[in-house]
Amino acid sequence: MKKNKLEYQILVFLFIGGLATTIDFVIYNYLFSFFSINASKLISMLSSSLFSYFMNKIFTFNKGKNYNQKYLIKFYVIFLLNLLTNIFVNYYVYKLTSVKLLAFILATLFGMTVNFIGQKFYVFK
C-alpha cells in the first residue's frame, strides 16, 4: 500500500510540477527580455511556487482541508533551498553553455528533486 501511495504522490507531483514548470517557463522567458537572468528566474519561480504549494497541498499530499501556517512556513524553507539550487544550476549551466533552454531544464530537474524530497519528508510529512 505504501508503495502505491508513493507512486501516486510522485505521479501527481510530476503532473502539478509540469504545470508549474510551464508557468515558470512562460514567465521566465517573458521577463528575460527585461531583467537579468537571476531576477527573471526569481520572479518566475515565486509565481509558480504559489501554484505548486496549493496544488500539492491539496492533491499530492492530501492536506487541503487543514490550514496550518506551519505548512506554508516549511514550504518556503524548502522553496528557498529549491530557489538557490535552481538559480545556481541555471546560472552556471547558462554561463558554461550559453544555452538558455538547457540551463532552464537542468535547473528545473535539480530543483524538482530537492522540492519533492523536501515537501514529502519535511513540509507535509
Protein backbone atom coordinates (compact mmCIF):
# COMPACT_ATOMS: atom_id res chain seq x y z
CA MET A 1 0.00 0.00 0.00
CA LYS A 2 2.79 2.45 0.86
CA LYS A 3 4.46 1.82 -2.50
CA ASN A 4 1.21 2.62 -4.34
CA LYS A 5 0.74 5.80 -2.29
CA LEU A 6 4.30 6.92 -3.04
CA GLU A 7 3.86 6.15 -6.75
CA TYR A 8 0.61 8.13 -6.77
CA GLN A 9 2.25 11.06 -4.99
CA ILE A 10 5.16 11.07 -7.43
CA LEU A 11 2.84 10.98 -10.47
CA VAL A 12 0.60 13.77 -9.16
CA PHE A 13 3.67 15.77 -8.09
CA LEU A 14 5.14 15.41 -11.59
CA PHE A 15 1.86 16.46 -13.23
CA ILE A 16 1.49 19.52 -11.00
CA GLY A 17 5.21 20.16 -11.43
CA GLY A 18 4.73 20.10 -15.19
CA LEU A 19 2.02 22.73 -14.92
CA ALA A 20 4.12 24.81 -12.51
CA THR A 21 7.12 24.46 -14.81
CA THR A 22 5.04 25.75 -17.71
CA ILE A 23 4.08 28.78 -15.61
CA ASP A 24 7.74 29.20 -14.61
CA PHE A 25 8.95 28.86 -18.21
CA VAL A 26 6.48 31.34 -19.71
CA ILE A 27 7.14 34.00 -17.08
CA TYR A 28 10.93 33.39 -17.17
CA ASN A 29 11.10 33.78 -20.96
CA TYR A 30 8.96 36.88 -20.94
CA LEU A 31 10.95 38.57 -18.17
CA PHE A 32 14.33 37.53 -19.64
CA SER A 33 13.94 40.35 -22.18
CA PHE A 34 13.60 42.96 -19.44
CA PHE A 35 15.59 41.73 -16.43
CA SER A 36 18.75 39.83 -15.58
CA ILE A 37 18.74 36.04 -15.76
CA ASN A 38 18.67 35.76 -11.96
CA ALA A 39 15.85 38.29 -11.48
CA SER A 40 13.84 36.57 -14.21
CA LYS A 41 14.32 33.20 -12.55
CA LEU A 42 13.45 34.54 -9.09
CA ILE A 43 10.18 36.14 -10.21
CA SER A 44 9.14 33.18 -12.34
CA MET A 45 9.82 30.74 -9.52
CA LEU A 46 7.92 32.82 -6.96
CA SER A 47 4.92 32.81 -9.27
CA SER A 48 5.00 29.11 -10.00
CA SER A 49 5.69 28.22 -6.35
CA LEU A 50 2.38 29.67 -5.17
CA PHE A 51 0.57 27.50 -7.69
CA SER A 52 2.67 24.49 -6.69
CA TYR A 53 2.10 24.98 -2.96
CA PHE A 54 -1.68 25.00 -3.15
CA MET A 55 -1.99 22.22 -5.74
CA ASN A 56 0.46 19.87 -3.99
CA LYS A 57 -1.04 20.58 -0.59
CA ILE A 58 -4.49 19.63 -1.85
CA PHE A 59 -3.87 16.93 -4.45
CA THR A 60 -0.45 15.35 -3.85
CA PHE A 61 -0.18 15.25 -0.08
CA ASN A 62 -3.91 15.46 0.78
CA LYS A 63 -3.58 18.26 3.33
CA GLY A 64 -6.01 20.63 1.62
CA LYS A 65 -8.61 20.86 4.36
CA ASN A 66 -6.08 21.58 7.07
CA TYR A 67 -4.99 25.18 7.11
CA ASN A 68 -1.86 25.32 9.11
CA GLN A 69 0.62 28.14 8.92
CA LYS A 70 3.45 25.69 9.62
CA TYR A 71 2.91 24.12 6.17
CA LEU A 72 3.41 27.46 4.47
CA ILE A 73 6.47 28.34 6.56
CA LYS A 74 8.05 24.93 5.94
CA PHE A 75 7.13 25.15 2.26
CA TYR A 76 9.03 28.40 1.89
CA VAL A 77 12.06 26.98 3.71
CA ILE A 78 12.14 24.24 1.08
CA PHE A 79 11.30 26.80 -1.60
CA LEU A 80 14.35 28.84 -0.59
CA LEU A 81 16.56 25.76 -0.86
CA ASN A 82 14.97 24.94 -4.22
CA LEU A 83 15.36 28.54 -5.38
CA LEU A 84 19.05 28.63 -4.50
CA THR A 85 19.62 25.28 -6.20
CA ASN A 86 17.64 26.39 -9.24
CA ILE A 87 19.34 29.76 -9.65
CA PHE A 88 22.80 28.25 -9.06
CA VAL A 89 22.34 25.49 -11.65
CA ASN A 90 20.59 27.83 -14.11
CA TYR A 91 23.34 30.44 -13.85
CA TYR A 92 26.30 28.09 -14.18
CA VAL A 93 24.87 25.95 -16.96
CA TYR A 94 23.98 29.10 -18.91
CA LYS A 95 27.44 30.56 -18.20
CA LEU A 96 29.13 27.37 -19.43
CA THR A 97 26.93 26.70 -22.46
CA SER A 98 25.05 29.93 -23.32
CA VAL A 99 22.04 27.68 -23.96
CA LYS A 100 19.11 29.17 -22.05
CA LEU A 101 16.81 26.17 -22.56
CA LEU A 102 19.41 23.67 -21.33
CA ALA A 103 20.08 25.83 -18.27
CA PHE A 104 16.35 26.03 -17.55
CA ILE A 105 15.77 22.28 -17.96
CA LEU A 106 18.72 21.20 -15.79
CA ALA A 107 17.88 23.77 -13.12
CA THR A 108 14.29 22.54 -13.11
CA LEU A 109 15.33 18.88 -12.77
CA PHE A 110 17.65 19.57 -9.86
CA GLY A 111 15.09 21.84 -8.22
CA MET A 112 12.27 19.34 -8.70
CA THR A 113 14.24 16.66 -6.87
CA VAL A 114 15.00 18.96 -3.94
CA ASN A 115 11.39 20.12 -3.91
CA PHE A 116 9.75 16.66 -3.84
CA ILE A 117 12.04 15.31 -1.13
CA GLY A 118 11.57 18.44 0.97
CA GLN A 119 7.80 18.51 0.61
CA LYS A 120 7.36 14.76 1.16
CA PHE A 121 9.60 14.38 4.19
CA TYR A 122 9.56 17.85 5.77
CA VAL A 123 6.61 20.04 4.78
CA PHE A 124 3.72 17.58 4.50
CA LYS A 125 5.06 14.60 6.46
